[in-house]
């Protein structure tokens, strides 16, 4: 599985600490800007983003199956296109601590 992250958020820790079993199964590449990632998304299975995605990314990501946002909001994403292409969308809604 090829995962591309496109976010200005620092994902160094995530990239450097993937569980051992995932390191053998996943190719994870992190880019801070869309222009840096555009040549790598063509065969991406999943994309991690902060809740926005430039249209040229989805146009070029022909194999895309899943998008994970690092934000709770998804209103800036191409939801109609995701639905048409059967792309799974998950977000980071946060958590409620147990008392």
PDB file of N, CA and C in Angstrom:
ATOM      1  N   UNK A   1       0.838  -1.170   0.000  1.00  0.00           N
ATOM      2  CA  UNK A   1       0.000   0.000   0.000  1.00  0.00           C
ATOM      3  C   UNK A   1       0.882   1.230   0.000  1.00  0.00           C
ATOM      4  N   UNK A   2       0.555   2.183  -0.843  1.00  0.00           N
ATOM      5  CA  UNK A   2       1.317   3.424  -0.905  1.00  0.00           C
ATOM      6  C   UNK A   2       0.479   4.547  -0.313  1.00  0.00           C
ATOM      7  N   UNK A   3       1.007   5.188   0.740  1.00  0.00           N
ATOM      8  CA  UNK A   3       0.334   6.295   1.401  1.00  0.00           C
ATOM      9  C   UNK A   3       1.147   7.556   1.189  1.00  0.00           C
ATOM     10  N   UNK A   4       0.485   8.594   0.707  1.00  0.00           N
ATOM     11  CA  UNK A   4       1.102   9.903   0.516  1.00  0.00           C
ATOM     12  C   UNK A   4       0.477  10.867   1.510  1.00  0.00           C
ATOM     13  N   UNK A   5       1.284  11.590   2.249  1.00  0.00           N
ATOM     14  CA  UNK A   5       0.798  12.625   3.151  1.00  0.00           C
ATOM     15  C   UNK A   5       1.152  13.975   2.544  1.00  0.00           C
ATOM     16  N   UNK A   6       0.160  14.853   2.461  1.00  0.00           N
ATOM     17  CA  UNK A   6       0.387  16.197   1.945  1.00  0.00           C
ATOM     18  C   UNK A   6      -0.128  17.169   2.997  1.00  0.00           C
ATOM     19  N   UNK A   7       0.779  17.671   3.805  1.00  0.00           N
ATOM     20  CA  UNK A   7       0.411  18.578   4.885  1.00  0.00           C
ATOM     21  C   UNK A   7       1.637  19.326   5.380  1.00  0.00           C
ATOM     22  N   UNK A   8       1.429  20.544   5.797  1.00  0.00           N
ATOM     23  CA  UNK A   8       2.492  21.319   6.418  1.00  0.00           C
ATOM     24  C   UNK A   8       2.754  20.887   7.847  1.00  0.00           C
ATOM     25  N   UNK A   9       1.844  20.072   8.403  1.00  0.00           N
ATOM     26  CA  UNK A   9       2.048  19.563   9.756  1.00  0.00           C
ATOM     27  C   UNK A   9       3.267  18.645   9.770  1.00  0.00           C
ATOM     28  N   UNK A  10       4.005  18.666  10.855  1.00  0.00           N
ATOM     29  CA  UNK A  10       5.198  17.833  10.959  1.00  0.00           C
ATOM     30  C   UNK A  10       4.810  16.379  11.225  1.00  0.00           C
ATOM     31  N   UNK A  11       5.002  15.522  10.231  1.00  0.00           N
ATOM     32  CA  UNK A  11       4.687  14.099  10.360  1.00  0.00           C
ATOM     33  C   UNK A  11       5.940  13.239  10.476  1.00  0.00           C
ATOM     34  N   UNK A  12       7.046  13.856  10.833  1.00  0.00           N
ATOM     35  CA  UNK A  12       8.308  13.131  10.972  1.00  0.00           C
ATOM     36  C   UNK A  12       8.174  11.965  11.937  1.00  0.00           C
ATOM     37  N   UNK A  13       7.546  12.210  13.087  1.00  0.00           N
ATOM     38  CA  UNK A  13       7.403  11.140  14.079  1.00  0.00           C
ATOM     39  C   UNK A  13       6.624   9.965  13.493  1.00  0.00           C
ATOM     40  N   UNK A  14       5.511  10.252  12.840  1.00  0.00           N
ATOM     41  CA  UNK A  14       4.714   9.194  12.228  1.00  0.00           C
ATOM     42  C   UNK A  14       5.520   8.429  11.188  1.00  0.00           C
ATOM     43  N   UNK A  15       6.215   9.162  10.353  1.00  0.00           N
ATOM     44  CA  UNK A  15       7.019   8.540   9.303  1.00  0.00           C
ATOM     45  C   UNK A  15       8.122   7.667   9.897  1.00  0.00           C
ATOM     46  N   UNK A  16       8.753   8.132  10.942  1.00  0.00           N
ATOM     47  CA  UNK A  16       9.878   7.416  11.547  1.00  0.00           C
ATOM     48  C   UNK A  16       9.465   6.288  12.497  1.00  0.00           C
ATOM     49  N   UNK A  17       8.202   6.266  12.911  1.00  0.00           N
ATOM     50  CA  UNK A  17       7.782   5.294  13.921  1.00  0.00           C
ATOM     51  C   UNK A  17       6.599   4.434  13.476  1.00  0.00           C
ATOM     52  N   UNK A  18       6.519   4.154  12.212  1.00  0.00           N
ATOM     53  CA  UNK A  18       5.503   3.210  11.770  1.00  0.00           C
ATOM     54  C   UNK A  18       5.759   1.863  12.442  1.00  0.00           C
ATOM     55  N   UNK A  19       4.721   1.177  12.881  1.00  0.00           N
ATOM     56  CA  UNK A  19       4.937  -0.146  13.469  1.00  0.00           C
ATOM     57  C   UNK A  19       5.672  -1.059  12.487  1.00  0.00           C
ATOM     58  N   UNK A  20       6.473  -1.950  13.026  1.00  0.00           N
ATOM     59  CA  UNK A  20       7.315  -2.834  12.201  1.00  0.00           C
ATOM     60  C   UNK A  20       6.509  -3.577  11.137  1.00  0.00           C
ATOM     61  N   UNK A  21       5.337  -4.099  11.509  1.00  0.00           N
ATOM     62  CA  UNK A  21       4.558  -4.857  10.528  1.00  0.00           C
ATOM     63  C   UNK A  21       4.072  -3.967   9.386  1.00  0.00           C
ATOM     64  N   UNK A  22       3.829  -2.686   9.671  1.00  0.00           N
ATOM     65  CA  UNK A  22       3.416  -1.773   8.603  1.00  0.00           C
ATOM     66  C   UNK A  22       4.590  -1.332   7.728  1.00  0.00           C
ATOM     67  N   UNK A  23       5.774  -1.248   8.308  1.00  0.00           N
ATOM     68  CA  UNK A  23       6.943  -0.855   7.535  1.00  0.00           C
ATOM     69  C   UNK A  23       7.174  -1.783   6.353  1.00  0.00           C
ATOM     70  N   UNK A  24       6.811  -3.041   6.522  1.00  0.00           N
ATOM     71  CA  UNK A  24       6.998  -4.028   5.455  1.00  0.00           C
ATOM     72  C   UNK A  24       5.876  -3.990   4.427  1.00  0.00           C
ATOM     73  N   UNK A  25       4.724  -3.421   4.793  1.00  0.00           N
ATOM     74  CA  UNK A  25       3.551  -3.431   3.927  1.00  0.00           C
ATOM     75  C   UNK A  25       3.232  -2.070   3.311  1.00  0.00           C
ATOM     76  N   UNK A  26       3.745  -1.001   3.908  1.00  0.00           N
ATOM     77  CA  UNK A  26       3.345   0.351   3.531  1.00  0.00           C
ATOM     78  C   UNK A  26       4.537   1.167   3.069  1.00  0.00           C
ATOM     79  N   UNK A  27       4.331   1.875   1.978  1.00  0.00           N
ATOM     80  CA  UNK A  27       5.290   2.881   1.551  1.00  0.00           C
ATOM     81  C   UNK A  27       4.679   4.230   1.922  1.00  0.00           C
ATOM     82  N   UNK A  28       5.291   4.935   2.865  1.00  0.00           N
ATOM     83  CA  UNK A  28       4.765   6.207   3.374  1.00  0.00           C
ATOM     84  C   UNK A  28       5.696   7.337   2.955  1.00  0.00           C
ATOM     85  N   UNK A  29       5.143   8.316   2.250  1.00  0.00           N
ATOM     86  CA  UNK A  29       5.930   9.476   1.843  1.00  0.00           C
ATOM     87  C   UNK A  29       5.198  10.736   2.270  1.00  0.00           C
ATOM     88  N   UNK A  30       5.929  11.666   2.837  1.00  0.00           N
ATOM     89  CA  UNK A  30       5.347  12.897   3.366  1.00  0.00           C
ATOM     90  C   UNK A  30       5.884  14.081   2.578  1.00  0.00           C
ATOM     91  N   UNK A  31       4.968  14.947   2.150  1.00  0.00           N
ATOM     92  CA  UNK A  31       5.300  16.161   1.417  1.00  0.00           C
ATOM     93  C   UNK A  31       4.587  17.331   2.071  1.00  0.00           C
ATOM     94  N   UNK A  32       5.265  18.444   2.149  1.00  0.00           N
ATOM     95  CA  UNK A  32       4.670  19.627   2.771  1.00  0.00           C
ATOM     96  C   UNK A  32       3.750  20.382   1.813  1.00  0.00           C
ATOM     97  N   UNK A  33       3.965  20.259   0.515  1.00  0.00           N
ATOM     98  CA  UNK A  33       3.203  21.024  -0.467  1.00  0.00           C
ATOM     99  C   UNK A  33       2.695  20.121  -1.588  1.00  0.00           C
ATOM    100  N   UNK A  34       1.592  20.514  -2.188  1.00  0.00           N
ATOM    101  CA  UNK A  34       1.012  19.792  -3.316  1.00  0.00           C
ATOM    102  C   UNK A  34       2.006  19.642  -4.454  1.00  0.00           C
ATOM    103  N   UNK A  35       2.709  20.708  -4.786  1.00  0.00           N
ATOM    104  CA  UNK A  35       3.646  20.660  -5.912  1.00  0.00           C
ATOM    105  C   UNK A  35       4.760  19.638  -5.704  1.00  0.00           C
ATOM    106  N   UNK A  36       5.150  19.408  -4.465  1.00  0.00           N
ATOM    107  CA  UNK A  36       6.172  18.404  -4.175  1.00  0.00           C
ATOM    108  C   UNK A  36       5.620  16.993  -4.369  1.00  0.00           C
ATOM    109  N   UNK A  37       4.329  16.806  -4.097  1.00  0.00           N
ATOM    110  CA  UNK A  37       3.722  15.472  -4.102  1.00  0.00           C
ATOM    111  C   UNK A  37       3.169  15.044  -5.454  1.00  0.00           C
ATOM    112  N   UNK A  38       2.910  15.984  -6.343  1.00  0.00           N
ATOM    113  CA  UNK A  38       2.160  15.697  -7.564  1.00  0.00           C
ATOM    114  C   UNK A  38       2.747  14.553  -8.387  1.00  0.00           C
ATOM    115  N   UNK A  39       4.039  14.411  -8.433  1.00  0.00           N
ATOM    116  CA  UNK A  39       4.662  13.345  -9.222  1.00  0.00           C
ATOM    117  C   UNK A  39       4.622  11.981  -8.526  1.00  0.00           C
ATOM    118  N   UNK A  40       4.127  11.935  -7.291  1.00  0.00           N
ATOM    119  CA  UNK A  40       4.138  10.695  -6.523  1.00  0.00           C
ATOM    120  C   UNK A  40       2.746  10.133  -6.246  1.00  0.00           C
ATOM    121  N   UNK A  41       1.689  10.853  -6.608  1.00  0.00           N
ATOM    122  CA  UNK A  41       0.332  10.432  -6.240  1.00  0.00           C
ATOM    123  C   UNK A  41      -0.331   9.493  -7.240  1.00  0.00           C
ATOM    124  N   UNK A  42       0.254   9.333  -8.396  1.00  0.00           N
ATOM    125  CA  UNK A  42      -0.387   8.540  -9.442  1.00  0.00           C
ATOM    126  C   UNK A  42      -0.748   7.132  -8.987  1.00  0.00           C
ATOM    127  N   UNK A  43       0.119   6.496  -8.216  1.00  0.00           N
ATOM    128  CA  UNK A  43      -0.173   5.141  -7.768  1.00  0.00           C
ATOM    129  C   UNK A  43      -0.425   5.061  -6.262  1.00  0.00           C
ATOM    130  N   UNK A  44      -0.831   6.194  -5.666  1.00  0.00           N
ATOM    131  CA  UNK A  44      -1.139   6.214  -4.236  1.00  0.00           C
ATOM    132  C   UNK A  44      -2.464   5.514  -3.962  1.00  0.00           C
ATOM    133  N   UNK A  45      -2.476   4.678  -2.941  1.00  0.00           N
ATOM    134  CA  UNK A  45      -3.701   4.028  -2.486  1.00  0.00           C
ATOM    135  C   UNK A  45      -4.444   4.910  -1.494  1.00  0.00           C
ATOM    136  N   UNK A  46      -3.681   5.697  -0.729  1.00  0.00           N
ATOM    137  CA  UNK A  46      -4.272   6.549   0.301  1.00  0.00           C
ATOM    138  C   UNK A  46      -3.529   7.873   0.361  1.00  0.00           C
ATOM    139  N   UNK A  47      -4.269   8.911   0.750  1.00  0.00           N
ATOM    140  CA  UNK A  47      -3.676  10.239   0.931  1.00  0.00           C
ATOM    141  C   UNK A  47      -4.100  10.757   2.298  1.00  0.00           C
ATOM    142  N   UNK A  48      -3.145  11.301   3.037  1.00  0.00           N
ATOM    143  CA  UNK A  48      -3.391  11.967   4.307  1.00  0.00           C
ATOM    144  C   UNK A  48      -3.258  13.451   4.040  1.00  0.00           C
ATOM    145  N   UNK A  49      -4.233  14.232   4.488  1.00  0.00           N
ATOM    146  CA  UNK A  49      -4.222  15.666   4.251  1.00  0.00           C
ATOM    147  C   UNK A  49      -4.801  16.390   5.459  1.00  0.00           C
ATOM    148  N   UNK A  50      -4.769  17.705   5.428  1.00  0.00           N
ATOM    149  CA  UNK A  50      -5.297  18.495   6.545  1.00  0.00           C
ATOM    150  C   UNK A  50      -6.701  19.014   6.278  1.00  0.00           C
ATOM    151  N   UNK A  51      -7.384  18.465   5.321  1.00  0.00           N
ATOM    152  CA  UNK A  51      -8.763  18.867   5.078  1.00  0.00           C
ATOM    153  C   UNK A  51      -8.972  19.621   3.786  1.00  0.00           C
ATOM    154  N   UNK A  52      -7.918  19.798   3.031  1.00  0.00           N
ATOM    155  CA  UNK A  52      -7.995  20.408   1.708  1.00  0.00           C
ATOM    156  C   UNK A  52      -7.202  19.546   0.745  1.00  0.00           C
ATOM    157  N   UNK A  53      -7.644  19.544  -0.514  1.00  0.00           N
ATOM    158  CA  UNK A  53      -6.898  18.787  -1.506  1.00  0.00           C
ATOM    159  C   UNK A  53      -7.028  19.508  -2.841  1.00  0.00           C
ATOM    160  N   UNK A  54      -5.908  19.842  -3.422  1.00  0.00           N
ATOM    161  CA  UNK A  54      -5.907  20.518  -4.711  1.00  0.00           C
ATOM    162  C   UNK A  54      -6.502  19.590  -5.763  1.00  0.00           C
ATOM    163  N   UNK A  55      -7.363  20.105  -6.652  1.00  0.00           N
ATOM    164  CA  UNK A  55      -7.995  19.258  -7.675  1.00  0.00           C
ATOM    165  C   UNK A  55      -7.016  18.475  -8.538  1.00  0.00           C
ATOM    166  N   UNK A  56      -5.822  19.004  -8.769  1.00  0.00           N
ATOM    167  CA  UNK A  56      -4.881  18.263  -9.607  1.00  0.00           C
ATOM    168  C   UNK A  56      -4.376  16.998  -8.911  1.00  0.00           C
ATOM    169  N   UNK A  57      -4.477  16.939  -7.590  1.00  0.00           N
ATOM    170  CA  UNK A  57      -4.085  15.727  -6.868  1.00  0.00           C
ATOM    171  C   UNK A  57      -5.083  14.610  -7.148  1.00  0.00           C
ATOM    172  N   UNK A  58      -6.366  14.892  -6.966  1.00  0.00           N
ATOM    173  CA  UNK A  58      -7.360  13.836  -7.194  1.00  0.00           C
ATOM    174  C   UNK A  58      -7.412  13.433  -8.661  1.00  0.00           C
ATOM    175  N   UNK A  59      -7.166  14.367  -9.540  1.00  0.00           N
ATOM    176  CA  UNK A  59      -7.171  14.048 -10.973  1.00  0.00           C
ATOM    177  C   UNK A  59      -6.046  13.077 -11.324  1.00  0.00           C
ATOM    178  N   UNK A  60      -4.911  13.236 -10.670  1.00  0.00           N
ATOM    179  CA  UNK A  60      -3.754  12.398 -10.989  1.00  0.00           C
ATOM    180  C   UNK A  60      -3.717  11.092 -10.184  1.00  0.00           C
ATOM    181  N   UNK A  61      -4.417  11.047  -9.062  1.00  0.00           N
ATOM    182  CA  UNK A  61      -4.381   9.867  -8.181  1.00  0.00           C
ATOM    183  C   UNK A  61      -5.411   8.841  -8.632  1.00  0.00           C
ATOM    184  N   UNK A  62      -5.115   8.156  -9.704  1.00  0.00           N
ATOM    185  CA  UNK A  62      -6.064   7.229 -10.336  1.00  0.00           C
ATOM    186  C   UNK A  62      -6.399   6.014  -9.479  1.00  0.00           C
ATOM    187  N   UNK A  63      -5.470   5.570  -8.622  1.00  0.00           N
ATOM    188  CA  UNK A  63      -5.683   4.377  -7.802  1.00  0.00           C
ATOM    189  C   UNK A  63      -6.218   4.693  -6.403  1.00  0.00           C
ATOM    190  N   UNK A  64      -6.481   5.956  -6.131  1.00  0.00           N
ATOM    191  CA  UNK A  64      -6.860   6.392  -4.789  1.00  0.00           C
ATOM    192  C   UNK A  64      -8.101   5.659  -4.273  1.00  0.00           C
ATOM    193  N   UNK A  65      -7.966   5.116  -3.038  1.00  0.00           N
ATOM    194  CA  UNK A  65      -9.064   4.381  -2.412  1.00  0.00           C
ATOM    195  C   UNK A  65      -9.513   5.003  -1.098  1.00  0.00           C
ATOM    196  N   UNK A  66      -8.622   5.804  -0.478  1.00  0.00           N
ATOM    197  CA  UNK A  66      -8.907   6.287   0.870  1.00  0.00           C
ATOM    198  C   UNK A  66      -8.234   7.636   1.078  1.00  0.00           C
ATOM    199  N   UNK A  67      -8.955   8.562   1.724  1.00  0.00           N
ATOM    200  CA  UNK A  67      -8.407   9.849   2.135  1.00  0.00           C
ATOM    201  C   UNK A  67      -8.663  10.005   3.627  1.00  0.00           C
ATOM    202  N   UNK A  68      -7.605  10.319   4.374  1.00  0.00           N
ATOM    203  CA  UNK A  68      -7.690  10.579   5.812  1.00  0.00           C
ATOM    204  C   UNK A  68      -7.337  12.039   6.038  1.00  0.00           C
ATOM    205  N   UNK A  69      -8.233  12.787   6.688  1.00  0.00           N
ATOM    206  CA  UNK A  69      -7.910  14.165   7.030  1.00  0.00           C
ATOM    207  C   UNK A  69      -7.407  14.218   8.464  1.00  0.00           C
ATOM    208  N   UNK A  70      -6.492  15.117   8.706  1.00  0.00           N
ATOM    209  CA  UNK A  70      -5.968  15.326  10.050  1.00  0.00           C
ATOM    210  C   UNK A  70      -6.780  16.394  10.772  1.00  0.00           C
ATOM    211  N   UNK A  71      -7.903  16.770  10.186  1.00  0.00           N
ATOM    212  CA  UNK A  71      -8.813  17.746  10.778  1.00  0.00           C
ATOM    213  C   UNK A  71     -10.185  17.099  10.907  1.00  0.00           C
ATOM    214  N   UNK A  72     -11.077  17.768  11.603  1.00  0.00           N
ATOM    215  CA  UNK A  72     -12.444  17.261  11.721  1.00  0.00           C
ATOM    216  C   UNK A  72     -13.267  17.651  10.496  1.00  0.00           C
ATOM    217  N   UNK A  73     -13.000  18.836   9.945  1.00  0.00           N
ATOM    218  CA  UNK A  73     -13.788  19.335   8.823  1.00  0.00           C
ATOM    219  C   UNK A  73     -13.410  18.689   7.505  1.00  0.00           C
ATOM    220  N   UNK A  74     -14.420  18.441   6.673  1.00  0.00           N
ATOM    221  CA  UNK A  74     -14.189  17.850   5.358  1.00  0.00           C
ATOM    222  C   UNK A  74     -14.839  18.680   4.243  1.00  0.00           C
ATOM    223  N   UNK A  75     -15.393  19.827   4.594  1.00  0.00           N
ATOM    224  CA  UNK A  75     -16.147  20.625   3.622  1.00  0.00           C
ATOM    225  C   UNK A  75     -15.291  21.221   2.505  1.00  0.00           C
ATOM    226  N   UNK A  76     -13.989  21.226   2.646  1.00  0.00           N
ATOM    227  CA  UNK A  76     -13.093  21.746   1.607  1.00  0.00           C
ATOM    228  C   UNK A  76     -12.588  20.651   0.665  1.00  0.00           C
ATOM    229  N   UNK A  77     -13.066  19.426   0.861  1.00  0.00           N
ATOM    230  CA  UNK A  77     -12.646  18.294   0.032  1.00  0.00           C
ATOM    231  C   UNK A  77     -13.675  18.057  -1.079  1.00  0.00           C
ATOM    232  N   UNK A  78     -13.258  17.428  -2.176  1.00  0.00           N
ATOM    233  CA  UNK A  78     -14.173  17.160  -3.298  1.00  0.00           C
ATOM    234  C   UNK A  78     -15.072  15.958  -2.995  1.00  0.00           C
ATOM    235  N   UNK A  79     -16.042  16.161  -2.123  1.00  0.00           N
ATOM    236  CA  UNK A  79     -16.878  15.075  -1.629  1.00  0.00           C
ATOM    237  C   UNK A  79     -17.657  14.378  -2.743  1.00  0.00           C
ATOM    238  N   UNK A  80     -18.161  15.135  -3.685  1.00  0.00           N
ATOM    239  CA  UNK A  80     -18.919  14.539  -4.786  1.00  0.00           C
ATOM    240  C   UNK A  80     -18.025  13.595  -5.595  1.00  0.00           C
ATOM    241  N   UNK A  81     -16.809  14.038  -5.899  1.00  0.00           N
ATOM    242  CA  UNK A  81     -15.870  13.191  -6.646  1.00  0.00           C
ATOM    243  C   UNK A  81     -15.516  11.933  -5.854  1.00  0.00           C
ATOM    244  N   UNK A  82     -15.301  12.091  -4.556  1.00  0.00           N
ATOM    245  CA  UNK A  82     -15.004  10.927  -3.721  1.00  0.00           C
ATOM    246  C   UNK A  82     -16.141   9.913  -3.800  1.00  0.00           C
ATOM    247  N   UNK A  83     -17.368  10.391  -3.718  1.00  0.00           N
ATOM    248  CA  UNK A  83     -18.529   9.495  -3.786  1.00  0.00           C
ATOM    249  C   UNK A  83     -18.606   8.803  -5.146  1.00  0.00           C
ATOM    250  N   UNK A  84     -18.388   9.557  -6.202  1.00  0.00           N
ATOM    251  CA  UNK A  84     -18.443   8.989  -7.560  1.00  0.00           C
ATOM    252  C   UNK A  84     -17.367   7.929  -7.775  1.00  0.00           C
ATOM    253  N   UNK A  85     -16.217   8.111  -7.158  1.00  0.00           N
ATOM    254  CA  UNK A  85     -15.096   7.182  -7.333  1.00  0.00           C
ATOM    255  C   UNK A  85     -15.010   6.137  -6.225  1.00  0.00           C
ATOM    256  N   UNK A  86     -15.976   6.151  -5.321  1.00  0.00           N
ATOM    257  CA  UNK A  86     -16.001   5.216  -4.183  1.00  0.00           C
ATOM    258  C   UNK A  86     -14.748   5.314  -3.322  1.00  0.00           C
ATOM    259  N   UNK A  87     -14.284   6.538  -3.100  1.00  0.00           N
ATOM    260  CA  UNK A  87     -13.118   6.778  -2.245  1.00  0.00           C
ATOM    261  C   UNK A  87     -13.608   6.933  -0.807  1.00  0.00           C
ATOM    262  N   UNK A  88     -13.038   6.154   0.082  1.00  0.00           N
ATOM    263  CA  UNK A  88     -13.390   6.219   1.501  1.00  0.00           C
ATOM    264  C   UNK A  88     -12.768   7.477   2.090  1.00  0.00           C
ATOM    265  N   UNK A  89     -13.548   8.207   2.892  1.00  0.00           N
ATOM    266  CA  UNK A  89     -13.068   9.412   3.560  1.00  0.00           C
ATOM    267  C   UNK A  89     -13.232   9.239   5.060  1.00  0.00           C
ATOM    268  N   UNK A  90     -12.125   9.426   5.787  1.00  0.00           N
ATOM    269  CA  UNK A  90     -12.163   9.412   7.245  1.00  0.00           C
ATOM    270  C   UNK A  90     -11.549  10.705   7.748  1.00  0.00           C
ATOM    271  N   UNK A  91     -11.978  11.129   8.947  1.00  0.00           N
ATOM    272  CA  UNK A  91     -11.453  12.370   9.489  1.00  0.00           C
ATOM    273  C   UNK A  91     -11.061  12.203  10.950  1.00  0.00           C
ATOM    274  N   UNK A  92     -10.514  13.270  11.519  1.00  0.00           N
ATOM    275  CA  UNK A  92     -10.083  13.264  12.918  1.00  0.00           C
ATOM    276  C   UNK A  92     -11.074  14.099  13.720  1.00  0.00           C
ATOM    277  N   UNK A  93     -12.115  13.460  14.169  1.00  0.00           N
ATOM    278  CA  UNK A  93     -13.169  14.161  14.893  1.00  0.00           C
ATOM    279  C   UNK A  93     -12.769  14.499  16.323  1.00  0.00           C
ATOM    280  N   UNK A  94     -11.700  13.960  16.793  1.00  0.00           N
ATOM    281  CA  UNK A  94     -11.314  14.203  18.181  1.00  0.00           C
ATOM    282  C   UNK A  94     -11.771  13.068  19.070  1.00  0.00           C
ATOM    283  N   UNK A  95     -11.769  13.286  20.352  1.00  0.00           N
ATOM    284  CA  UNK A  95     -12.171  12.245  21.276  1.00  0.00           C
ATOM    285  C   UNK A  95     -12.814  12.890  22.499  1.00  0.00           C
ATOM    286  N   UNK A  96     -13.552  12.087  23.203  1.00  0.00           N
ATOM    287  CA  UNK A  96     -14.140  12.502  24.470  1.00  0.00           C
ATOM    288  C   UNK A  96     -13.524  11.612  25.541  1.00  0.00           C
ATOM    289  N   UNK A  97     -12.794  12.209  26.472  1.00  0.00           N
ATOM    290  CA  UNK A  97     -12.132  11.374  27.485  1.00  0.00           C
ATOM    291  C   UNK A  97     -13.166  10.693  28.396  1.00  0.00           C
ATOM    292  N   UNK A  98     -12.869   9.476  28.790  1.00  0.00           N
ATOM    293  CA  UNK A  98     -13.739   8.749  29.714  1.00  0.00           C
ATOM    294  C   UNK A  98     -13.547   9.307  31.116  1.00  0.00           C
ATOM    295  N   UNK A  99     -14.629   9.325  31.872  1.00  0.00           N
ATOM    296  CA  UNK A  99     -14.545   9.833  33.241  1.00  0.00           C
ATOM    297  C   UNK A  99     -14.684   8.723  34.235  1.00  0.00           C
TER     298      UNK A  99
END
